[in-house]
Protein backbone atom coordinates (compact mmCIF):
# COMPACT_ATOMS: atom_id res chain seq x y z
CA UNK A 1 115.08 111.46 61.85
CA UNK A 2 111.72 110.05 60.58
CA UNK A 3 111.47 106.32 60.55
CA UNK A 4 111.31 104.93 56.73
CA UNK A 5 108.06 103.17 57.35
CA UNK A 6 106.54 106.10 58.53
CA UNK A 7 107.49 108.32 55.39
CA UNK A 8 105.95 105.49 53.32
CA UNK A 9 103.27 105.03 54.92
CA UNK A 10 102.60 109.16 55.05
CA UNK A 11 102.80 108.84 50.93
CA UNK A 12 100.30 105.94 51.12
CA UNK A 13 97.86 108.27 53.35
CA UNK A 14 97.77 110.82 50.95
CA UNK A 15 96.67 108.47 48.31
CA UNK A 16 93.89 107.09 50.54
CA UNK A 17 90.25 107.50 50.75
CA UNK A 18 87.81 106.09 53.43
CA UNK A 19 86.96 103.34 50.89
CA UNK A 20 90.27 102.48 49.62
CA UNK A 21 92.82 102.44 52.33
CA UNK A 22 96.32 102.67 50.94
CA UNK A 23 97.85 102.83 54.10
CA UNK A 24 97.03 99.32 55.04
CA UNK A 25 98.00 97.98 51.54
CA UNK A 26 101.36 99.37 51.99
CA UNK A 27 101.46 97.97 55.67
CA UNK A 28 100.83 94.81 54.09
CA UNK A 29 103.25 95.19 51.05
CA UNK A 30 106.28 95.77 54.37
CA UNK A 31 104.94 92.46 55.81
CA UNK A 32 105.36 90.49 52.70
CA UNK A 33 109.06 91.87 52.07
CA UNK A 34 109.73 90.33 56.02
CA UNK A 35 109.64 93.26 57.67
CA UNK A 36 108.86 93.22 61.63
CA UNK A 37 105.05 92.94 61.72
CA UNK A 38 105.80 94.74 65.43
CA UNK A 39 107.74 97.60 64.42
CA UNK A 40 105.51 98.10 61.39
CA UNK A 41 102.27 98.09 63.62
CA UNK A 42 104.19 100.49 66.26
CA UNK A 43 104.88 102.93 63.12
CA UNK A 44 100.73 102.66 62.51
CA UNK A 45 100.02 103.67 66.41
CA UNK A 46 102.67 106.80 66.29
CA UNK A 47 101.25 107.86 62.97
CA UNK A 48 97.79 107.39 64.49
CA UNK A 49 98.68 109.25 67.57
CA UNK A 50 100.63 112.41 65.44
CA UNK A 51 97.87 113.03 63.17
CA UNK A 52 95.68 116.02 63.00
CA UNK A 53 92.61 115.56 61.18
CA UNK A 54 89.69 112.76 62.22
CA UNK A 55 89.84 111.44 58.43
CA UNK A 56 93.44 111.46 58.39
CA UNK A 57 93.19 109.27 62.23
CA UNK A 58 90.38 106.97 60.80
CA UNK A 59 92.24 106.09 57.91
CA UNK A 60 95.16 105.02 59.81
CA UNK A 61 93.54 103.64 62.77
CA UNK A 62 91.27 101.32 60.28
CA UNK A 63 95.03 99.98 58.94
CA UNK A 64 96.54 99.47 62.84
CA UNK A 65 93.58 97.72 63.59
CA UNK A 66 93.54 95.47 60.70
CA UNK A 67 97.00 95.02 60.39
CA UNK A 68 96.60 94.05 64.67
CA UNK A 69 96.15 90.57 63.47
CA UNK A 70 99.45 89.61 62.87
CA UNK A 71 100.66 90.98 66.33
CA UNK A 72 97.80 88.43 67.73
CA UNK A 73 99.07 85.40 65.91
């Protein structure tokens, strides 16, 4: 069964463009709701590994890279 964050992030990916990373916005929204930054980051990394299209991997990879700042704090 897919992680609930994964489902939300995949929906955000469908709305994303290279100029407008909705995946990052969704990850930020989850963080602001108080969910674990480590859990969100793990789901981003897993999603990036599972994607086939380079375009999608780039968008999720960028989101994971930007979101990693919360892990390093």
